[in-house]
Amino acid sequence: PAYAHALSVLASCYHAVGRYFDACDCLEKCLEICEVAFQKNHANIIPNLMNYGNVLRSTGDLVKARIVYQRAITIHELNFKGGQQARQLEKCKAEVDDLTFKIEQLESSGAGLSNEIPDEIARKHLAPADVESQGTPVIVFTDIGRDVDDELALVLLSALKRKHILNPVAVITTLSPERDRAHLARGSMDAMGMPDVPVGIGSCGGVTDGVDLDMYGAEYSRSSPCIFESGIELVYRVLESVPPRSAVFLCIASLSDAASFIREHEEMFISKVKEVVLMGGVVSTELGESLIPDSAYNNNCDISSARFLYKRCQDLGIATATLSRWAAYGCPIPPALLDEIAKTEHMVATNIRSVSKLSIDQLWNKVILHPSDPRREKLPNRCDISWFCRTFMSKGEISKEWTSSVWTLVKKLNMYDPLAVLLCVPAYRATHFDWKAKVVNGVSHIVVGSSERDTGIRNRLSLYTEYSSLFLFAFQETLHK
């Protein structure tokens, strides 16, 4: 019964943010438990039936909603004498009358009773974005599950959403297996207090058809009928709801989907997007008249899309802000930070901590392979043993014959994507980052981190303090509220 009650509360939360089909799933499980836990037609089932009927009405299934309310009336009459719990009975009868009226109206008009699919229901509930009260609208393209910094970027977004600085309006998962990534994103965001932010499934991200790349899992990863099957369609829908030139594309994964959106909906892109923030890299800003993407992993996943996106943004006058790997190298974090956030015992924090070790070991196993080995999964050739040791350890090279976990040797971790999130905020950008700019067609395109010496990080300790406190704030606030 306690679990059934928790499911009922969760269903109410989902219902409140427009995720009606998730609410239905919760209430159906709740009712299954109640049917076993209580005797047949027990009065305790009535409130859950009323909630279920209310949710079914929202989905458009009016006939089933009426049947549910009618059952609630029957159970009420079996358990109570006249006048007892009268308001509950009146409410159920009023719902049955109203539903009967609406059903008869629809039948007489020939409109049909329940022809909508989850995507169509969900589209109606994409609330208009209020920039002043909710922050800058951000659309995130992520390959969550590849390594933990994508999920940490969502944690950071949760904190900034609570502070009304950034307003994530959609998250698109890309890079095969993109559907599994959507399930992880949905579960992670629900756990971080962002159930109202829609998730859409993107493309394979430039990966050969039928090839699924490695990704980590989580107990909170979950499928949902409210996940949009078309990420491109979701982006279009949310952009319709934002003010002109207010949105930011935050690209922390393959650029396939962002490029596809520009190709298919260029006019919408021009009218609604003010800037594209990218975790990646470019050829030196001092070479040529425009920015050209380099061999960074996110670019390399689909280099033709990366070239198209950079060129088209510069041609159209849409500003770009690129954060390179050098910036991440300029502000590494100690593994102790992951230990600290895990102390909150938040399920996302503890999973991130446990997955980090696995991710490092998986990366090592790719690094030691020959550059032509397909198991490297488009890892750039520069990512060799020497690079690994410089990046994560404070000692010389280790042999590729090393068989134990390399986690015990790790002294620093690079959090690429959380820094890209901070770059979306003008105040953080001005405080913590330096950059080089390339002006193309009168628009400035900035690059943070141009070399190992010029990381673009103004004060490593100050920046680390900033985002580590935001991580803790996000986990603590989610648990408290």
Protein backbone atom coordinates (compact mmCIF):
# COMPACT_ATOMS: atom_id res chain seq x y z
CA PRO A 1 0.00 0.00 0.00
CA ALA A 2 2.81 2.46 0.75
CA TYR A 3 4.29 1.85 -2.71
CA ALA A 4 0.84 2.25 -4.26
CA HIS A 5 0.49 5.60 -2.49
CA ALA A 6 3.89 6.70 -3.79
CA LEU A 7 2.84 5.77 -7.32
CA SER A 8 -0.35 7.79 -6.90
CA VAL A 9 1.64 10.84 -5.77
CA LEU A 10 4.05 10.41 -8.68
CA ALA A 11 1.11 10.14 -11.07
CA SER A 12 -0.23 13.47 -9.77
CA CYS A 13 3.17 15.05 -10.41
CA TYR A 14 3.31 13.70 -13.95
CA HIS A 15 -0.25 14.84 -14.58
CA ALA A 16 0.58 18.35 -13.38
CA VAL A 17 3.36 18.73 -15.98
CA GLY A 18 1.33 17.27 -18.84
CA ARG A 19 2.88 13.79 -18.92
CA TYR A 20 -0.48 12.06 -18.93
CA PHE A 21 0.58 8.68 -20.26
CA ASP A 22 3.28 8.34 -17.62
CA ALA A 23 0.62 9.21 -15.04
CA CYS A 24 -1.60 6.47 -16.47
CA ASP A 25 1.20 3.91 -16.15
CA CYS A 26 1.72 4.82 -12.49
CA LEU A 27 -1.97 4.67 -11.63
CA GLU A 28 -2.46 1.35 -13.39
CA LYS A 29 0.36 -0.14 -11.30
CA CYS A 30 -1.10 1.52 -8.22
CA LEU A 31 -4.54 -0.02 -8.85
CA GLU A 32 -3.01 -3.46 -9.48
CA ILE A 33 -1.41 -3.30 -6.04
CA CYS A 34 -4.62 -2.08 -4.40
CA GLU A 35 -6.62 -4.93 -5.92
CA VAL A 36 -4.25 -7.39 -4.21
CA ALA A 37 -3.61 -5.52 -0.96
CA PHE A 38 -7.26 -4.75 -0.15
CA GLN A 39 -10.37 -6.86 -0.24
CA LYS A 40 -12.49 -6.68 -3.39
CA ASN A 41 -14.24 -3.31 -3.90
CA HIS A 42 -12.54 -1.76 -0.86
CA ALA A 43 -13.28 1.94 -0.30
CA ASN A 44 -9.55 2.81 -0.32
CA ILE A 45 -9.52 2.18 -4.07
CA ILE A 46 -11.98 5.00 -4.80
CA PRO A 47 -9.52 7.99 -4.66
CA ASN A 48 -7.10 6.21 -7.01
CA LEU A 49 -9.93 5.43 -9.43
CA MET A 50 -10.93 9.10 -9.40
CA ASN A 51 -7.33 10.14 -10.13
CA TYR A 52 -7.16 7.56 -12.92
CA GLY A 53 -10.38 8.81 -14.46
CA ASN A 54 -9.09 12.37 -14.35
CA VAL A 55 -5.86 11.39 -16.11
CA LEU A 56 -7.72 9.34 -18.74
CA ARG A 57 -9.85 12.39 -19.50
CA SER A 58 -6.66 14.37 -20.12
CA THR A 59 -5.40 11.75 -22.58
CA GLY A 60 -8.63 12.02 -24.52
CA ASP A 61 -9.90 8.53 -23.63
CA LEU A 62 -13.29 9.73 -22.46
CA VAL A 63 -15.06 6.37 -22.71
CA LYS A 64 -12.58 4.61 -20.46
CA ALA A 65 -12.59 7.56 -18.06
CA ARG A 66 -16.37 7.26 -17.70
CA ILE A 67 -16.11 3.51 -17.03
CA VAL A 68 -13.55 4.18 -14.29
CA TYR A 69 -15.75 6.80 -12.61
CA GLN A 70 -18.76 4.47 -12.84
CA ARG A 71 -16.78 1.78 -11.05
CA ALA A 72 -15.86 4.30 -8.35
CA ILE A 73 -19.57 5.03 -7.87
CA THR A 74 -20.37 1.32 -7.57
CA ILE A 75 -17.68 0.78 -4.93
CA HIS A 76 -18.85 3.86 -3.05
CA GLU A 77 -22.43 2.59 -2.90
CA LEU A 78 -21.21 -0.81 -1.64
CA ASN A 79 -19.24 0.75 1.22
CA PHE A 80 -21.17 3.80 2.40
CA LYS A 81 -24.69 4.55 3.53
CA GLY A 82 -26.65 7.52 2.25
CA GLY A 83 -24.97 10.81 3.17
CA GLN A 84 -21.58 9.28 3.99
CA GLN A 85 -18.70 10.65 1.89
CA ALA A 86 -21.39 12.50 -0.07
CA ARG A 87 -19.00 14.95 -1.75
CA GLN A 88 -16.92 12.09 -3.14
CA LEU A 89 -20.02 10.49 -4.64
CA GLU A 90 -21.27 13.80 -6.04
CA LYS A 91 -17.91 14.41 -7.68
CA CYS A 92 -17.95 11.00 -9.40
CA LYS A 93 -21.53 11.41 -10.62
CA ALA A 94 -20.80 14.90 -11.95
CA GLU A 95 -17.79 13.53 -13.86
CA VAL A 96 -19.90 10.73 -15.38
CA ASP A 97 -22.56 13.22 -16.47
CA ASP A 98 -19.99 15.59 -17.98
CA LEU A 99 -18.15 12.79 -19.77
CA THR A 100 -21.42 11.39 -21.13
CA PHE A 101 -22.31 14.84 -22.49
CA LYS A 102 -18.90 15.23 -24.18
CA ILE A 103 -18.98 11.71 -25.63
CA GLU A 104 -22.44 12.31 -27.12
CA GLN A 105 -21.24 15.62 -28.56
CA LEU A 106 -18.26 13.98 -30.23
CA GLU A 107 -20.33 11.08 -31.56
CA SER A 108 -22.90 13.42 -33.05
CA SER A 109 -20.24 15.54 -34.69
CA GLY A 110 -18.40 12.51 -36.10
CA ALA A 111 -15.12 13.77 -34.59
CA GLY A 112 -14.19 10.46 -32.99
CA LEU A 113 -13.42 9.80 -29.37
CA SER A 114 -9.70 9.12 -28.99
CA ASN A 115 -7.63 9.54 -32.11
CA GLU A 116 -4.62 11.27 -30.65
CA ILE A 117 -1.24 9.68 -30.10
CA PRO A 118 1.11 10.57 -27.23
CA ASP A 119 3.20 13.02 -29.30
CA GLU A 120 0.08 14.95 -30.31
CA ILE A 121 -1.18 15.09 -26.73
CA ALA A 122 2.23 16.24 -25.49
CA ARG A 123 2.55 18.98 -28.11
CA LYS A 124 -0.46 20.78 -26.69
CA HIS A 125 1.32 21.20 -23.38
CA LEU A 126 4.59 22.79 -24.43
CA ALA A 127 4.15 25.97 -22.42
CA PRO A 128 5.37 29.28 -23.88
CA ALA A 129 8.84 30.16 -22.60
CA ASP A 130 9.07 33.28 -20.45
CA VAL A 131 12.66 34.47 -20.75
CA GLU A 132 12.45 37.09 -17.99
CA SER A 133 11.03 34.80 -15.30
CA GLN A 134 12.44 31.41 -16.38
CA GLY A 135 15.79 32.21 -17.98
CA THR A 136 17.28 31.70 -21.43
CA PRO A 137 15.59 28.88 -23.39
CA VAL A 138 18.13 26.13 -24.09
CA ILE A 139 17.79 23.12 -26.40
CA VAL A 140 20.33 20.42 -25.54
CA PHE A 141 21.77 17.86 -27.98
CA THR A 142 23.43 15.15 -25.88
CA ASP A 143 24.93 11.67 -26.14
CA ILE A 144 24.23 10.98 -22.46
CA GLY A 145 25.51 7.59 -21.39
CA ARG A 146 28.78 7.82 -23.35
CA ASP A 147 30.56 9.37 -20.37
CA VAL A 148 29.37 11.04 -17.20
CA ASP A 149 29.96 14.67 -18.13
CA ASP A 150 26.79 14.74 -20.27
CA GLU A 151 24.74 13.71 -17.25
CA LEU A 152 26.63 16.18 -15.07
CA ALA A 153 25.71 18.85 -17.64
CA LEU A 154 22.04 17.99 -17.04
CA VAL A 155 22.64 18.18 -13.29
CA LEU A 156 24.09 21.65 -13.78
CA LEU A 157 21.09 22.62 -15.91
CA SER A 158 18.85 21.48 -13.07
CA ALA A 159 20.60 23.91 -10.71
CA LEU A 160 20.46 26.79 -13.19
CA LYS A 161 16.80 26.05 -13.93
CA ARG A 162 16.00 26.31 -10.21
CA LYS A 163 17.81 29.64 -10.15
CA HIS A 164 15.83 30.81 -13.24
CA ILE A 165 19.05 31.46 -15.17
CA LEU A 166 18.68 28.84 -17.92
CA ASN A 167 15.45 27.20 -19.02
CA PRO A 168 16.02 23.83 -20.73
CA VAL A 169 13.03 23.49 -23.06
CA ALA A 170 14.04 20.24 -24.80
CA VAL A 171 16.71 17.54 -24.65
CA ILE A 172 17.54 15.58 -27.81
CA THR A 173 19.53 12.37 -27.53
CA THR A 174 21.82 11.49 -30.39
CA LEU A 175 24.47 8.86 -31.19
CA SER A 176 23.52 5.21 -31.41
CA PRO A 177 21.83 3.72 -29.38
CA GLU A 178 19.85 6.96 -29.35
CA ARG A 179 16.64 5.46 -27.94
CA ASP A 180 18.45 3.99 -24.93
CA ARG A 181 20.05 7.37 -24.38
CA ALA A 182 16.59 8.96 -24.39
CA HIS A 183 15.49 6.54 -21.68
CA LEU A 184 18.53 7.45 -19.57
CA ALA A 185 17.94 11.18 -20.11
CA ARG A 186 14.28 10.86 -19.16
CA GLY A 187 15.05 8.98 -15.96
CA SER A 188 17.92 11.26 -14.99
CA MET A 189 15.91 14.42 -15.56
CA ASP A 190 12.94 13.06 -13.63
CA ALA A 191 15.27 12.29 -10.73
CA MET A 192 16.77 15.80 -10.94
CA GLY A 193 13.40 17.54 -10.73
CA MET A 194 12.94 18.27 -14.45
CA PRO A 195 9.96 16.05 -15.39
CA ASP A 196 8.46 18.95 -17.34
CA VAL A 197 11.37 19.14 -19.81
CA PRO A 198 10.54 17.03 -22.89
CA VAL A 199 12.95 14.49 -24.34
CA GLY A 200 13.17 13.62 -28.03
CA ILE A 201 14.97 10.82 -29.86
CA GLY A 202 17.54 12.05 -32.36
CA SER A 203 19.57 10.25 -35.00
CA CYS A 204 22.40 7.72 -34.83
CA GLY A 205 24.76 10.72 -34.90
CA GLY A 206 26.84 9.62 -37.88
CA VAL A 207 27.39 6.08 -36.65
CA THR A 208 27.06 3.27 -39.20
CA ASP A 209 23.55 1.78 -39.21
CA GLY A 210 23.22 -1.22 -36.94
CA VAL A 211 26.22 -0.27 -34.80
CA ASP A 212 25.50 0.57 -31.16
CA LEU A 213 28.25 2.34 -29.24
CA ASP A 214 29.01 1.69 -25.60
CA MET A 215 26.84 3.43 -23.05
CA TYR A 216 26.33 3.07 -19.35
CA GLY A 217 23.03 2.32 -17.67
CA ALA A 218 21.21 3.32 -14.52
CA GLU A 219 18.41 1.92 -12.40
CA TYR A 220 16.45 5.12 -13.00
CA SER A 221 16.70 4.86 -16.80
CA ARG A 222 13.16 4.41 -18.05
CA SER A 223 11.08 4.28 -21.18
CA SER A 224 8.15 6.66 -21.37
CA PRO A 225 5.27 7.15 -23.78
CA CYS A 226 5.93 10.88 -23.43
CA ILE A 227 9.34 10.67 -25.11
CA PHE A 228 9.06 12.24 -28.57
CA GLU A 229 9.86 9.84 -31.38
CA SER A 230 11.17 12.68 -33.55
CA GLY A 231 13.74 14.92 -31.92
CA ILE A 232 13.67 17.28 -34.91
CA GLU A 233 9.91 17.66 -34.56
CA LEU A 234 10.28 18.39 -30.85
CA VAL A 235 12.87 21.11 -31.53
CA TYR A 236 10.49 22.74 -34.02
CA ARG A 237 7.62 22.63 -31.54
CA VAL A 238 9.53 24.17 -28.65
CA LEU A 239 11.02 26.88 -30.85
CA GLU A 240 7.48 27.88 -31.81
CA SER A 241 6.91 28.69 -28.13
CA VAL A 242 9.97 30.91 -27.51
CA PRO A 243 10.40 34.63 -28.27
CA PRO A 244 12.36 35.68 -31.39
CA ARG A 245 16.16 35.28 -31.23
CA SER A 246 16.07 34.08 -27.62
CA ALA A 247 17.03 30.38 -27.74
CA VAL A 248 20.43 28.73 -27.44
CA PHE A 249 21.39 25.45 -29.09
CA LEU A 250 23.71 23.63 -26.67
CA CYS A 251 25.54 20.95 -28.68
CA ILE A 252 27.50 18.58 -26.45
CA ALA A 253 27.41 15.62 -28.85
CA SER A 254 27.51 14.79 -32.55
CA LEU A 255 26.28 17.72 -34.65
CA SER A 256 24.13 15.53 -36.92
CA ASP A 257 20.78 16.52 -35.45
CA ALA A 258 21.47 20.22 -35.03
CA ALA A 259 22.67 20.32 -38.65
CA SER A 260 19.60 18.39 -39.82
CA PHE A 261 17.32 20.88 -38.11
CA ILE A 262 19.04 23.79 -39.83
CA ARG A 263 18.73 22.04 -43.22
CA GLU A 264 15.04 21.27 -42.74
CA HIS A 265 13.89 24.37 -40.85
CA GLU A 266 16.33 27.15 -41.63
CA GLU A 267 13.75 29.93 -41.37
CA MET A 268 12.68 28.81 -37.88
CA PHE A 269 16.34 28.53 -36.86
CA ILE A 270 17.12 32.08 -38.00
CA SER A 271 14.06 33.58 -36.35
CA LYS A 272 14.34 31.89 -32.95
CA VAL A 273 17.99 30.97 -32.20
CA LYS A 274 20.40 33.62 -31.03
CA GLU A 275 23.50 31.46 -30.47
CA VAL A 276 24.89 27.96 -30.84
CA VAL A 277 27.19 26.81 -28.01
CA LEU A 278 29.36 23.82 -28.89
CA MET A 279 31.63 21.44 -27.06
CA GLY A 280 34.19 20.67 -29.74
CA GLY A 281 36.96 22.55 -31.42
CA VAL A 282 38.03 24.52 -34.47
CA VAL A 283 41.12 24.98 -36.58
CA SER A 284 43.11 28.00 -35.38
CA THR A 285 41.09 31.22 -35.42
CA GLU A 286 44.09 32.90 -37.05
CA LEU A 287 43.82 30.77 -40.18
CA GLY A 288 41.41 31.61 -42.96
CA GLU A 289 38.42 33.91 -43.04
CA SER A 290 36.00 31.61 -41.21
CA LEU A 291 35.89 28.96 -38.50
CA ILE A 292 36.37 25.35 -39.55
CA PRO A 293 35.72 22.42 -37.18
CA ASP A 294 38.72 20.32 -36.18
CA SER A 295 38.99 16.61 -35.30
CA ALA A 296 37.33 16.87 -31.86
CA TYR A 297 35.21 13.81 -31.05
CA ASN A 298 31.84 15.54 -31.43
CA ASN A 299 32.90 16.94 -34.81
CA ASN A 300 34.45 13.68 -35.90
CA CYS A 301 31.25 11.67 -35.31
CA ASP A 302 29.76 13.36 -38.40
CA ILE A 303 32.33 15.71 -39.86
CA SER A 304 30.18 16.71 -42.84
CA SER A 305 27.41 17.88 -40.49
CA ALA A 306 29.97 19.72 -38.35
CA ARG A 307 31.31 21.56 -41.37
CA PHE A 308 27.80 22.38 -42.55
CA LEU A 309 26.71 23.70 -39.16
CA TYR A 310 29.72 25.97 -38.67
CA LYS A 311 29.53 27.31 -42.21
CA ARG A 312 25.79 27.87 -42.16
CA CYS A 313 25.84 29.65 -38.81
CA GLN A 314 28.53 31.99 -40.10
CA ASP A 315 26.69 32.56 -43.37
CA LEU A 316 23.39 33.26 -41.58
CA GLY A 317 24.86 35.50 -38.90
CA ILE A 318 24.03 33.22 -35.95
CA ALA A 319 26.73 33.54 -33.28
CA THR A 320 28.67 30.48 -32.14
CA ALA A 321 30.61 29.89 -28.94
CA THR A 322 32.97 26.90 -29.04
CA LEU A 323 34.52 25.40 -25.93
CA SER A 324 37.54 23.26 -26.81
CA ARG A 325 39.15 20.36 -25.01
CA TRP A 326 41.94 22.75 -23.94
CA ALA A 327 39.44 24.60 -21.75
CA ALA A 328 38.45 21.36 -20.04
CA TYR A 329 42.13 20.50 -19.54
CA GLY A 330 42.53 23.93 -17.93
CA CYS A 331 40.03 23.14 -15.18
CA PRO A 332 40.19 19.45 -14.28
CA ILE A 333 38.37 18.11 -11.25
CA PRO A 334 39.70 15.69 -8.65
CA PRO A 335 37.89 12.34 -8.36
CA ALA A 336 37.17 13.44 -4.79
CA LEU A 337 34.39 15.71 -6.11
CA LEU A 338 32.49 12.66 -7.30
CA ASP A 339 32.96 11.13 -3.86
CA GLU A 340 31.56 14.32 -2.32
CA ILE A 341 28.41 14.45 -4.44
CA ALA A 342 27.87 10.71 -3.88
CA LYS A 343 27.66 11.45 -0.13
CA THR A 344 24.28 13.08 -0.83
CA GLU A 345 23.08 9.52 -1.61
CA HIS A 346 21.11 10.89 -4.54
CA MET A 347 20.65 8.05 -7.02
CA VAL A 348 22.08 10.08 -9.92
CA ALA A 349 25.12 11.15 -7.90
CA THR A 350 25.94 7.62 -6.77
CA ASN A 351 25.51 6.25 -10.27
CA ILE A 352 27.78 8.93 -11.74
CA ARG A 353 30.43 8.03 -9.18
CA SER A 354 30.29 4.31 -9.94
CA VAL A 355 30.11 4.78 -13.70
CA SER A 356 33.13 7.12 -13.77
CA LYS A 357 35.48 4.30 -12.90
CA LEU A 358 33.94 2.11 -15.59
CA SER A 359 34.16 4.91 -18.17
CA ILE A 360 37.83 5.55 -17.48
CA ASP A 361 38.63 1.86 -17.82
CA GLN A 362 36.64 1.65 -21.06
CA LEU A 363 38.47 4.68 -22.45
CA TRP A 364 41.82 3.10 -21.57
CA ASN A 365 40.82 -0.07 -23.39
CA LYS A 366 40.10 1.98 -26.51
CA VAL A 367 43.24 4.10 -26.26
CA ILE A 368 45.54 1.07 -26.33
CA LEU A 369 44.03 -0.19 -29.61
CA HIS A 370 45.60 0.50 -33.00
CA PRO A 371 44.31 3.78 -34.54
CA SER A 372 42.60 1.82 -37.35
CA ASP A 373 40.73 -0.51 -34.98
CA PRO A 374 36.93 0.10 -35.29
CA ARG A 375 36.53 -0.62 -31.58
CA ARG A 376 37.99 2.83 -30.90
CA GLU A 377 34.57 4.20 -31.99
CA LYS A 378 35.83 7.34 -33.77
CA LEU A 379 38.21 8.27 -30.97
CA PRO A 380 40.70 10.69 -32.60
CA ASN A 381 44.16 9.27 -33.39
CA ARG A 382 45.79 11.80 -31.06
CA CYS A 383 44.11 10.02 -28.14
CA ASP A 384 46.89 7.53 -27.49
CA ILE A 385 48.58 6.21 -24.33
CA SER A 386 50.72 9.32 -23.95
CA TRP A 387 47.60 11.54 -24.23
CA PHE A 388 45.75 9.43 -21.66
CA CYS A 389 48.56 9.69 -19.11
CA ARG A 390 48.95 13.45 -19.60
CA THR A 391 45.20 14.00 -19.37
CA PHE A 392 44.25 11.87 -16.38
CA MET A 393 47.42 11.10 -14.43
CA SER A 394 50.32 12.89 -12.83
CA LYS A 395 53.00 10.44 -13.85
CA GLY A 396 54.76 9.08 -16.91
CA GLU A 397 53.35 6.60 -19.36
CA ILE A 398 52.16 3.18 -18.33
CA SER A 399 52.42 0.10 -20.49
CA LYS A 400 49.53 -0.88 -22.70
CA GLU A 401 49.94 -4.30 -21.15
CA TRP A 402 48.57 -2.89 -17.87
CA THR A 403 45.80 -5.29 -16.83
CA SER A 404 44.42 -3.80 -13.61
CA SER A 405 41.92 -0.96 -13.46
CA VAL A 406 43.58 2.36 -14.26
CA TRP A 407 41.14 4.18 -11.95
CA THR A 408 43.55 3.96 -9.01
CA LEU A 409 46.11 5.96 -11.01
CA VAL A 410 43.70 8.76 -12.00
CA LYS A 411 44.43 12.13 -10.39
CA LYS A 412 42.20 14.39 -12.46
CA LEU A 413 39.08 14.21 -14.59
CA ASN A 414 37.99 16.56 -17.35
CA MET A 415 34.41 17.77 -17.28
CA TYR A 416 33.87 19.11 -20.79
CA ASP A 417 30.11 19.51 -21.03
CA PRO A 418 29.37 21.25 -17.68
CA LEU A 419 31.75 24.01 -18.78
CA ALA A 420 29.78 24.35 -22.02
CA VAL A 421 26.62 24.79 -19.92
CA LEU A 422 28.26 27.63 -17.97
CA LEU A 423 29.34 29.21 -21.26
CA CYS A 424 25.64 29.64 -22.08
CA VAL A 425 25.30 32.15 -19.22
CA PRO A 426 26.67 35.64 -20.03
CA ALA A 427 27.61 36.38 -16.41
CA TYR A 428 29.58 33.14 -16.02
CA ARG A 429 31.14 33.63 -19.44
CA ALA A 430 32.41 37.09 -18.56
CA THR A 431 33.65 36.01 -15.13
CA HIS A 432 35.39 32.72 -15.85
CA PHE A 433 36.42 32.55 -19.50
CA ASP A 434 38.70 34.26 -21.99
CA TRP A 435 38.33 33.67 -25.70
CA LYS A 436 39.52 34.45 -29.17
CA ALA A 437 37.00 35.84 -31.62
CA LYS A 438 36.54 35.54 -35.36
CA VAL A 439 34.23 38.12 -36.91
CA VAL A 440 32.36 36.78 -39.93
CA ASN A 441 29.70 38.84 -41.71
CA GLY A 442 29.71 41.28 -38.83
CA VAL A 443 29.03 38.62 -36.18
CA SER A 444 31.55 37.56 -33.55
CA HIS A 445 32.18 33.82 -33.15
CA ILE A 446 34.17 32.99 -30.04
CA VAL A 447 36.46 30.08 -29.15
CA VAL A 448 37.44 29.29 -25.55
CA GLY A 449 40.73 27.42 -25.36
CA SER A 450 43.07 27.62 -28.31
CA SER A 451 46.05 25.60 -27.06
CA GLU A 452 47.54 23.76 -24.11
CA ARG A 453 48.95 27.03 -22.83
CA ASP A 454 45.95 29.18 -23.71
CA THR A 455 43.10 27.25 -22.07
CA GLY A 456 40.77 30.24 -21.79
CA ILE A 457 40.22 29.57 -18.07
CA ARG A 458 40.78 32.71 -16.03
CA ASN A 459 40.98 31.19 -12.56
CA ARG A 460 40.87 27.42 -12.20
CA LEU A 461 40.03 27.44 -8.49
CA SER A 462 37.28 30.03 -8.85
CA LEU A 463 35.63 28.13 -11.71
CA TYR A 464 35.92 24.79 -9.92
CA THR A 465 34.34 26.30 -6.81
CA GLU A 466 31.52 27.70 -8.94
CA TYR A 467 30.41 24.54 -10.63
CA SER A 468 31.12 22.13 -7.76
CA SER A 469 28.81 24.20 -5.55
CA LEU A 470 26.16 24.11 -8.28
CA PHE A 471 26.40 20.31 -8.46
CA LEU A 472 25.85 20.00 -4.70
CA PHE A 473 23.03 22.55 -4.82
CA ALA A 474 21.25 20.57 -7.54
CA PHE A 475 21.41 17.26 -5.68
CA GLN A 476 20.52 18.72 -2.29
CA GLU A 477 17.59 20.77 -3.61
CA THR A 478 16.20 17.78 -5.50
CA LEU A 479 16.30 15.63 -2.36
CA HIS A 480 14.79 18.33 -0.14
CA LYS A 481 11.96 19.20 -2.52
